[in-house]
Amino acid sequence: MLRRFARLLAAFVMITSGIAVGTVATAGTAHADGCYTWSRTLSEGASGSDVTQLQVRLGGYAGYGSVLAVDGSFGPATSAALKRFQSAYGLAADGVAGANTFNKLYSLQDDDCTPIHFSYAELNNCNSDWSGGAVSAATAKSNALRTMWKLEAMRHALGDAPLRVTSGFRSYACNSAVGGASSSRHLYGDAADLGAGSHSLCTMAKQARNHGFNGILGPGYPDHNDHTHVDHRSSRYWSAPTCGV
């Protein structure tokens, strides 16, 4: 809340400063960000770490049944995901990431690069240092960040009502303690369990198909009648029979 207030104050200062010198700051001017600041316009054909950063944030806009590669190469799939993102937020859907797109992304992220409606703490109720799982602590945390951006897209598509995360990353010890499968994606940091709240479990299981999740398990799948599970495993496996998924 304080961060968003600071941004609004900064925007007000920019505008009033512009008036003072006879020019008004426009929406076409991107501002610096506490997490990551893009320094150039990005479009199809671009490559680099700035494209990778964009792809992480567009992961939830891959389209039905698709997963957006985070490879630093701005190809047709990234362009299509960007157009979906732009359309979702009322921007010109031109597939070009410029100031307006970046400013919207800045408004959606906190200084630790997590989306504003999710946090690392929500995705890790096990080992706070992200260790003890099937991958390195750094990889587990990176995977969780990608999951959060997918959940942010899903949340927005469902009317911006909260999504309740009940489980995220687990070490082997934590996974064993809760009776998790030995190959659980929670061990990789890329899984999230969602409890019913603003939306039914079936609503979330169905919607997740549009937001880059290869793994979706929900009502009707063994031991998943009280939550909807999403992850980004390497190949698609969707099973929530009660929901028709």
C-alpha atoms as a PDB file:
ATOM      1  CA  MET A   1       0.000   0.000   0.000  1.00  0.00           C
ATOM      2  CA  LEU A   2       2.796   2.447   0.925  1.00  0.00           C
ATOM      3  CA  ARG A   3       4.630   1.579  -2.270  1.00  0.00           C
ATOM      4  CA  ARG A   4       1.612   2.222  -4.443  1.00  0.00           C
ATOM      5  CA  PHE A   5       0.960   5.527  -2.629  1.00  0.00           C
ATOM      6  CA  ALA A   6       4.577   6.527  -3.295  1.00  0.00           C
ATOM      7  CA  ARG A   7       4.110   5.799  -6.987  1.00  0.00           C
ATOM      8  CA  LEU A   8       0.939   7.865  -7.156  1.00  0.00           C
ATOM      9  CA  LEU A   9       2.744  10.712  -5.411  1.00  0.00           C
ATOM     10  CA  ALA A  10       5.657  10.429  -7.832  1.00  0.00           C
ATOM     11  CA  ALA A  11       3.269  10.513 -10.781  1.00  0.00           C
ATOM     12  CA  PHE A  12       1.593  13.622  -9.360  1.00  0.00           C
ATOM     13  CA  VAL A  13       4.965  15.317  -8.946  1.00  0.00           C
ATOM     14  CA  MET A  14       5.895  14.449 -12.547  1.00  0.00           C
ATOM     15  CA  ILE A  15       2.678  15.937 -13.873  1.00  0.00           C
ATOM     16  CA  THR A  16       2.807  19.090 -11.783  1.00  0.00           C
ATOM     17  CA  SER A  17       6.475  19.560 -12.668  1.00  0.00           C
ATOM     18  CA  GLY A  18       5.562  19.293 -16.315  1.00  0.00           C
ATOM     19  CA  ILE A  19       2.893  21.952 -15.922  1.00  0.00           C
ATOM     20  CA  ALA A  20       5.391  24.252 -14.233  1.00  0.00           C
ATOM     21  CA  VAL A  21       7.647  24.269 -17.280  1.00  0.00           C
ATOM     22  CA  GLY A  22       4.820  24.397 -19.768  1.00  0.00           C
ATOM     23  CA  THR A  23       4.819  20.692 -20.709  1.00  0.00           C
ATOM     24  CA  VAL A  24       2.829  17.845 -19.229  1.00  0.00           C
ATOM     25  CA  ALA A  25       4.409  14.444 -18.609  1.00  0.00           C
ATOM     26  CA  THR A  26       2.670  11.899 -20.831  1.00  0.00           C
ATOM     27  CA  ALA A  27       1.774   8.222 -20.527  1.00  0.00           C
ATOM     28  CA  GLY A  28       4.425   7.588 -23.159  1.00  0.00           C
ATOM     29  CA  THR A  29       7.198   8.167 -20.628  1.00  0.00           C
ATOM     30  CA  ALA A  30       8.173   5.115 -18.592  1.00  0.00           C
ATOM     31  CA  HIS A  31       9.566   5.571 -15.107  1.00  0.00           C
ATOM     32  CA  ALA A  32      12.275   3.707 -13.195  1.00  0.00           C
ATOM     33  CA  ASP A  33      11.166   0.802 -11.032  1.00  0.00           C
ATOM     34  CA  GLY A  34      12.412  -0.674  -7.764  1.00  0.00           C
ATOM     35  CA  CYS A  35      12.422  -4.195  -9.179  1.00  0.00           C
ATOM     36  CA  TYR A  36      13.497  -3.964 -12.807  1.00  0.00           C
ATOM     37  CA  THR A  37      13.546  -1.137 -15.341  1.00  0.00           C
ATOM     38  CA  TRP A  38      13.339  -1.744 -19.078  1.00  0.00           C
ATOM     39  CA  SER A  39      15.530   0.623 -21.072  1.00  0.00           C
ATOM     40  CA  ARG A  40      14.331  -0.036 -24.615  1.00  0.00           C
ATOM     41  CA  THR A  41      11.208  -0.832 -26.589  1.00  0.00           C
ATOM     42  CA  LEU A  42      10.848  -4.557 -27.253  1.00  0.00           C
ATOM     43  CA  SER A  43       9.192  -6.191 -30.239  1.00  0.00           C
ATOM     44  CA  GLU A  44       9.385  -9.376 -32.260  1.00  0.00           C
ATOM     45  CA  GLY A  45      12.975 -10.202 -33.148  1.00  0.00           C
ATOM     46  CA  ALA A  46      14.502  -8.767 -29.973  1.00  0.00           C
ATOM     47  CA  SER A  47      16.547 -10.902 -27.629  1.00  0.00           C
ATOM     48  CA  GLY A  48      18.290 -10.505 -24.310  1.00  0.00           C
ATOM     49  CA  SER A  49      17.795 -10.511 -20.570  1.00  0.00           C
ATOM     50  CA  ASP A  50      15.183  -7.754 -20.825  1.00  0.00           C
ATOM     51  CA  VAL A  51      13.082 -10.052 -23.012  1.00  0.00           C
ATOM     52  CA  THR A  52      13.473 -12.785 -20.400  1.00  0.00           C
ATOM     53  CA  GLN A  53      12.193 -10.397 -17.734  1.00  0.00           C
ATOM     54  CA  LEU A  54       9.198  -9.571 -19.914  1.00  0.00           C
ATOM     55  CA  GLN A  55       8.446 -13.245 -20.574  1.00  0.00           C
ATOM     56  CA  VAL A  56       8.369 -14.055 -16.858  1.00  0.00           C
ATOM     57  CA  ARG A  57       5.634 -11.458 -16.416  1.00  0.00           C
ATOM     58  CA  LEU A  58       3.704 -12.604 -19.489  1.00  0.00           C
ATOM     59  CA  GLY A  59       3.698 -16.283 -18.518  1.00  0.00           C
ATOM     60  CA  GLY A  60       0.039 -16.156 -17.560  1.00  0.00           C
ATOM     61  CA  TYR A  61      -0.965 -14.900 -21.001  1.00  0.00           C
ATOM     62  CA  ALA A  62       0.317 -17.810 -23.080  1.00  0.00           C
ATOM     63  CA  GLY A  63      -3.195 -18.727 -24.233  1.00  0.00           C
ATOM     64  CA  TYR A  64      -5.330 -21.826 -23.793  1.00  0.00           C
ATOM     65  CA  GLY A  65      -3.201 -24.930 -23.264  1.00  0.00           C
ATOM     66  CA  SER A  66       0.045 -23.134 -24.062  1.00  0.00           C
ATOM     67  CA  VAL A  67       3.174 -22.384 -22.053  1.00  0.00           C
ATOM     68  CA  LEU A  68       5.327 -19.371 -22.893  1.00  0.00           C
ATOM     69  CA  ALA A  69       9.028 -20.176 -23.088  1.00  0.00           C
ATOM     70  CA  VAL A  70      11.266 -18.002 -20.923  1.00  0.00           C
ATOM     71  CA  ASP A  71      14.226 -18.045 -23.272  1.00  0.00           C
ATOM     72  CA  GLY A  72      15.065 -14.394 -23.928  1.00  0.00           C
ATOM     73  CA  SER A  73      13.919 -14.595 -27.549  1.00  0.00           C
ATOM     74  CA  PHE A  74      10.969 -12.415 -28.584  1.00  0.00           C
ATOM     75  CA  GLY A  75       9.133 -14.576 -31.083  1.00  0.00           C
ATOM     76  CA  PRO A  76       5.508 -14.928 -32.225  1.00  0.00           C
ATOM     77  CA  ALA A  77       4.428 -16.621 -28.987  1.00  0.00           C
ATOM     78  CA  THR A  78       5.789 -13.747 -26.885  1.00  0.00           C
ATOM     79  CA  SER A  79       4.118 -11.250 -29.203  1.00  0.00           C
ATOM     80  CA  ALA A  80       0.773 -13.060 -28.855  1.00  0.00           C
ATOM     81  CA  ALA A  81       1.105 -13.225 -25.058  1.00  0.00           C
ATOM     82  CA  LEU A  82       1.942  -9.527 -24.946  1.00  0.00           C
ATOM     83  CA  LYS A  83      -1.136  -8.687 -27.014  1.00  0.00           C
ATOM     84  CA  ARG A  84      -3.304 -10.658 -24.572  1.00  0.00           C
ATOM     85  CA  PHE A  85      -1.743  -8.819 -21.649  1.00  0.00           C
ATOM     86  CA  GLN A  86      -2.236  -5.443 -23.313  1.00  0.00           C
ATOM     87  CA  SER A  87      -5.847  -6.226 -24.150  1.00  0.00           C
ATOM     88  CA  ALA A  88      -6.518  -7.443 -20.594  1.00  0.00           C
ATOM     89  CA  TYR A  89      -5.437  -4.052 -19.232  1.00  0.00           C
ATOM     90  CA  GLY A  90      -6.989  -1.823 -21.862  1.00  0.00           C
ATOM     91  CA  LEU A  91      -3.776  -0.985 -23.706  1.00  0.00           C
ATOM     92  CA  ALA A  92      -3.289  -0.884 -27.469  1.00  0.00           C
ATOM     93  CA  ALA A  93      -2.754  -4.554 -28.323  1.00  0.00           C
ATOM     94  CA  ASP A  94       0.080  -4.076 -30.802  1.00  0.00           C
ATOM     95  CA  GLY A  95       2.537  -6.667 -29.491  1.00  0.00           C
ATOM     96  CA  VAL A  96       5.157  -3.994 -28.869  1.00  0.00           C
ATOM     97  CA  ALA A  97       6.401  -3.447 -25.330  1.00  0.00           C
ATOM     98  CA  GLY A  98       6.938   0.266 -24.881  1.00  0.00           C
ATOM     99  CA  ALA A  99       6.395   2.839 -22.148  1.00  0.00           C
ATOM    100  CA  ASN A 100       2.684   2.174 -21.621  1.00  0.00           C
ATOM    101  CA  THR A 101       3.224  -1.568 -21.310  1.00  0.00           C
ATOM    102  CA  PHE A 102       6.177  -1.142 -18.968  1.00  0.00           C
ATOM    103  CA  ASN A 103       4.331   1.344 -16.792  1.00  0.00           C
ATOM    104  CA  LYS A 104       1.488  -1.148 -16.397  1.00  0.00           C
ATOM    105  CA  LEU A 105       3.977  -3.872 -15.456  1.00  0.00           C
ATOM    106  CA  TYR A 106       5.641  -1.536 -12.954  1.00  0.00           C
ATOM    107  CA  SER A 107       2.265  -0.916 -11.336  1.00  0.00           C
ATOM    108  CA  LEU A 108       1.732  -4.662 -10.997  1.00  0.00           C
ATOM    109  CA  GLN A 109       4.970  -5.565  -9.238  1.00  0.00           C
ATOM    110  CA  ASP A 110       6.584  -4.980  -5.886  1.00  0.00           C
ATOM    111  CA  ASP A 111      10.228  -4.097  -5.358  1.00  0.00           C
ATOM    112  CA  ASP A 112      11.175  -7.772  -4.936  1.00  0.00           C
ATOM    113  CA  CYS A 113       9.700  -8.466  -8.411  1.00  0.00           C
ATOM    114  CA  THR A 114       6.702 -10.402  -7.104  1.00  0.00           C
ATOM    115  CA  PRO A 115       3.285  -9.378  -8.443  1.00  0.00           C
ATOM    116  CA  ILE A 116       1.428  -7.077  -6.068  1.00  0.00           C
ATOM    117  CA  HIS A 117      -1.193  -9.653  -5.039  1.00  0.00           C
ATOM    118  CA  PHE A 118       1.210 -12.486  -4.189  1.00  0.00           C
ATOM    119  CA  SER A 119       4.372 -12.870  -2.125  1.00  0.00           C
ATOM    120  CA  TYR A 120       7.243 -15.261  -1.623  1.00  0.00           C
ATOM    121  CA  ALA A 121       5.887 -15.972   1.858  1.00  0.00           C
ATOM    122  CA  GLU A 122       2.605 -17.216   0.380  1.00  0.00           C
ATOM    123  CA  LEU A 123       4.446 -19.594  -1.943  1.00  0.00           C
ATOM    124  CA  ASN A 124       6.710 -20.962   0.797  1.00  0.00           C
ATOM    125  CA  ASN A 125       5.294 -22.195   4.095  1.00  0.00           C
ATOM    126  CA  CYS A 126       8.174 -24.621   4.546  1.00  0.00           C
ATOM    127  CA  ASN A 127      11.866 -23.585   4.485  1.00  0.00           C
ATOM    128  CA  SER A 128      12.229 -19.818   4.252  1.00  0.00           C
ATOM    129  CA  ASP A 129      15.602 -20.197   2.517  1.00  0.00           C
ATOM    130  CA  TRP A 130      14.041 -22.372  -0.233  1.00  0.00           C
ATOM    131  CA  SER A 131      16.459 -25.224   0.403  1.00  0.00           C
ATOM    132  CA  GLY A 132      15.927 -28.962   0.728  1.00  0.00           C
ATOM    133  CA  GLY A 133      13.834 -29.552  -2.368  1.00  0.00           C
ATOM    134  CA  ALA A 134      14.464 -31.263  -5.688  1.00  0.00           C
ATOM    135  CA  VAL A 135      16.278 -28.234  -7.146  1.00  0.00           C
ATOM    136  CA  SER A 136      18.612 -25.552  -5.830  1.00  0.00           C
ATOM    137  CA  ALA A 137      17.153 -22.891  -3.567  1.00  0.00           C
ATOM    138  CA  ALA A 138      17.679 -20.260  -6.295  1.00  0.00           C
ATOM    139  CA  THR A 139      15.832 -22.351  -8.871  1.00  0.00           C
ATOM    140  CA  ALA A 140      12.956 -23.101  -6.521  1.00  0.00           C
ATOM    141  CA  LYS A 141      12.537 -19.411  -5.755  1.00  0.00           C
ATOM    142  CA  SER A 142      12.736 -18.502  -9.447  1.00  0.00           C
ATOM    143  CA  ASN A 143      10.106 -21.131 -10.268  1.00  0.00           C
ATOM    144  CA  ALA A 144       7.839 -19.720  -7.566  1.00  0.00           C
ATOM    145  CA  LEU A 145       8.142 -16.253  -9.068  1.00  0.00           C
ATOM    146  CA  ARG A 146       7.006 -17.558 -12.447  1.00  0.00           C
ATOM    147  CA  THR A 147       4.058 -19.275 -10.767  1.00  0.00           C
ATOM    148  CA  MET A 148       3.055 -16.060  -9.018  1.00  0.00           C
ATOM    149  CA  TRP A 149       2.954 -14.116 -12.286  1.00  0.00           C
ATOM    150  CA  LYS A 150       0.742 -16.811 -13.798  1.00  0.00           C
ATOM    151  CA  LEU A 151      -1.532 -16.585 -10.779  1.00  0.00           C
ATOM    152  CA  GLU A 152      -1.631 -12.794 -11.124  1.00  0.00           C
ATOM    153  CA  ALA A 153      -2.914 -13.180 -14.694  1.00  0.00           C
ATOM    154  CA  MET A 154      -5.460 -15.752 -13.578  1.00  0.00           C
ATOM    155  CA  ARG A 155      -6.600 -13.511 -10.730  1.00  0.00           C
ATOM    156  CA  HIS A 156      -7.130 -10.611 -13.122  1.00  0.00           C
ATOM    157  CA  ALA A 157      -9.068 -12.800 -15.565  1.00  0.00           C
ATOM    158  CA  LEU A 158     -11.363 -13.841 -12.711  1.00  0.00           C
ATOM    159  CA  GLY A 159     -12.297 -10.276 -11.891  1.00  0.00           C
ATOM    160  CA  ASP A 160      -9.416  -9.433  -9.543  1.00  0.00           C
ATOM    161  CA  ALA A 161     -10.989 -11.295  -6.632  1.00  0.00           C
ATOM    162  CA  PRO A 162      -8.375 -12.875  -4.327  1.00  0.00           C
ATOM    163  CA  LEU A 163      -6.938 -16.342  -4.910  1.00  0.00           C
ATOM    164  CA  ARG A 164      -6.110 -18.230  -1.714  1.00  0.00           C
ATOM    165  CA  VAL A 165      -2.805 -20.102  -1.844  1.00  0.00           C
ATOM    166  CA  THR A 166      -2.733 -22.957   0.683  1.00  0.00           C
ATOM    167  CA  SER A 167       0.597 -24.563  -0.254  1.00  0.00           C
ATOM    168  CA  GLY A 168       3.638 -23.785  -2.367  1.00  0.00           C
ATOM    169  CA  PHE A 169       7.282 -24.851  -2.183  1.00  0.00           C
ATOM    170  CA  ARG A 170       8.111 -27.836   0.023  1.00  0.00           C
ATOM    171  CA  SER A 171      11.413 -29.385   1.026  1.00  0.00           C
ATOM    172  CA  TYR A 172      11.551 -33.177   1.027  1.00  0.00           C
ATOM    173  CA  ALA A 173      11.011 -33.104   4.788  1.00  0.00           C
ATOM    174  CA  CYS A 174       7.955 -30.841   4.535  1.00  0.00           C
ATOM    175  CA  ASN A 175       6.550 -32.820   1.644  1.00  0.00           C
ATOM    176  CA  SER A 176       6.882 -36.072   3.567  1.00  0.00           C
ATOM    177  CA  ALA A 177       5.275 -34.537   6.647  1.00  0.00           C
ATOM    178  CA  VAL A 178       2.117 -33.602   4.722  1.00  0.00           C
ATOM    179  CA  GLY A 179       1.967 -36.879   2.806  1.00  0.00           C
ATOM    180  CA  GLY A 180       2.885 -35.390  -0.564  1.00  0.00           C
ATOM    181  CA  ALA A 181       3.764 -37.563  -3.550  1.00  0.00           C
ATOM    182  CA  SER A 182       7.448 -38.423  -3.812  1.00  0.00           C
ATOM    183  CA  SER A 183       7.584 -36.687  -7.206  1.00  0.00           C
ATOM    184  CA  SER A 184       5.468 -33.690  -6.188  1.00  0.00           C
ATOM    185  CA  ARG A 185       6.014 -30.498  -8.145  1.00  0.00           C
ATOM    186  CA  HIS A 186       5.970 -28.683  -4.810  1.00  0.00           C
ATOM    187  CA  LEU A 187       9.548 -29.943  -4.428  1.00  0.00           C
ATOM    188  CA  TYR A 188      10.499 -27.809  -7.441  1.00  0.00           C
ATOM    189  CA  GLY A 189       8.872 -24.618  -6.237  1.00  0.00           C
ATOM    190  CA  ASP A 190       6.663 -24.331  -9.316  1.00  0.00           C
ATOM    191  CA  ALA A 191       3.407 -25.573  -7.781  1.00  0.00           C
ATOM    192  CA  ALA A 192       0.624 -23.881  -5.880  1.00  0.00           C
ATOM    193  CA  ASP A 193      -2.444 -25.297  -4.204  1.00  0.00           C
ATOM    194  CA  LEU A 194      -5.499 -23.048  -4.251  1.00  0.00           C
ATOM    195  CA  GLY A 195      -8.297 -23.272  -1.735  1.00  0.00           C
ATOM    196  CA  ALA A 196     -11.905 -22.344  -2.348  1.00  0.00           C
ATOM    197  CA  GLY A 197     -12.762 -18.761  -1.488  1.00  0.00           C
ATOM    198  CA  SER A 198     -13.714 -16.091  -3.982  1.00  0.00           C
ATOM    199  CA  HIS A 199     -14.043 -18.833  -6.590  1.00  0.00           C
ATOM    200  CA  SER A 200     -14.966 -22.493  -6.553  1.00  0.00           C
ATOM    201  CA  LEU A 201     -12.273 -25.109  -7.041  1.00  0.00           C
ATOM    202  CA  CYS A 202     -13.744 -26.001 -10.425  1.00  0.00           C
ATOM    203  CA  THR A 203     -13.789 -22.383 -11.584  1.00  0.00           C
ATOM    204  CA  MET A 204     -10.085 -22.147 -10.822  1.00  0.00           C
ATOM    205  CA  ALA A 205      -9.264 -25.514 -12.408  1.00  0.00           C
ATOM    206  CA  LYS A 206     -10.988 -24.474 -15.624  1.00  0.00           C
ATOM    207  CA  GLN A 207      -9.500 -20.983 -15.711  1.00  0.00           C
ATOM    208  CA  ALA A 208      -5.963 -22.273 -15.095  1.00  0.00           C
ATOM    209  CA  ARG A 209      -6.003 -23.839 -18.568  1.00  0.00           C
ATOM    210  CA  ASN A 210      -5.601 -20.331 -20.016  1.00  0.00           C
ATOM    211  CA  HIS A 211      -2.641 -19.245 -17.912  1.00  0.00           C
ATOM    212  CA  GLY A 212       0.405 -21.346 -18.719  1.00  0.00           C
ATOM    213  CA  PHE A 213      -0.066 -24.244 -16.308  1.00  0.00           C
ATOM    214  CA  ASN A 214       0.866 -27.639 -17.705  1.00  0.00           C
ATOM    215  CA  GLY A 215      -0.220 -29.328 -14.494  1.00  0.00           C
ATOM    216  CA  ILE A 216      -3.772 -28.918 -13.196  1.00  0.00           C
ATOM    217  CA  LEU A 217      -5.246 -31.294 -10.610  1.00  0.00           C
ATOM    218  CA  GLY A 218      -8.548 -30.732  -8.893  1.00  0.00           C
ATOM    219  CA  PRO A 219     -11.842 -32.203  -7.680  1.00  0.00           C
ATOM    220  CA  GLY A 220     -12.244 -35.792  -8.785  1.00  0.00           C
ATOM    221  CA  TYR A 221      -8.510 -36.449  -8.848  1.00  0.00           C
ATOM    222  CA  PRO A 222      -7.348 -38.512  -5.838  1.00  0.00           C
ATOM    223  CA  ASP A 223      -6.716 -36.395  -2.734  1.00  0.00           C
ATOM    224  CA  HIS A 224      -7.605 -33.146  -4.523  1.00  0.00           C
ATOM    225  CA  ASN A 225     -11.235 -32.623  -3.596  1.00  0.00           C
ATOM    226  CA  ASP A 226     -10.350 -29.799  -1.193  1.00  0.00           C
ATOM    227  CA  HIS A 227      -8.028 -27.785  -3.435  1.00  0.00           C
ATOM    228  CA  THR A 228      -6.991 -27.069  -7.005  1.00  0.00           C
ATOM    229  CA  HIS A 229      -3.334 -27.720  -7.756  1.00  0.00           C
ATOM    230  CA  VAL A 230      -1.429 -25.946 -10.545  1.00  0.00           C
ATOM    231  CA  ASP A 231       2.176 -26.300 -11.685  1.00  0.00           C
ATOM    232  CA  HIS A 232       4.400 -25.926 -14.741  1.00  0.00           C
ATOM    233  CA  ARG A 233       5.689 -29.449 -15.271  1.00  0.00           C
ATOM    234  CA  SER A 234       7.343 -30.263 -18.600  1.00  0.00           C
ATOM    235  CA  SER A 235       4.313 -31.841 -20.274  1.00  0.00           C
ATOM    236  CA  ARG A 236       0.604 -31.332 -19.919  1.00  0.00           C
ATOM    237  CA  TYR A 237      -1.396 -33.304 -17.384  1.00  0.00           C
ATOM    238  CA  TRP A 238      -4.823 -31.954 -16.497  1.00  0.00           C
ATOM    239  CA  SER A 239      -7.187 -33.949 -14.306  1.00  0.00           C
ATOM    240  CA  ALA A 240     -10.130 -32.545 -12.408  1.00  0.00           C
ATOM    241  CA  PRO A 241     -12.870 -34.966 -13.520  1.00  0.00           C
ATOM    242  CA  THR A 242     -15.587 -33.444 -11.364  1.00  0.00           C
ATOM    243  CA  CYS A 243     -14.999 -30.149 -13.178  1.00  0.00           C
ATOM    244  CA  GLY A 244     -14.784 -31.592 -16.683  1.00  0.00           C
ATOM    245  CA  VAL A 245     -11.064 -30.850 -16.860  1.00  0.00           C
END
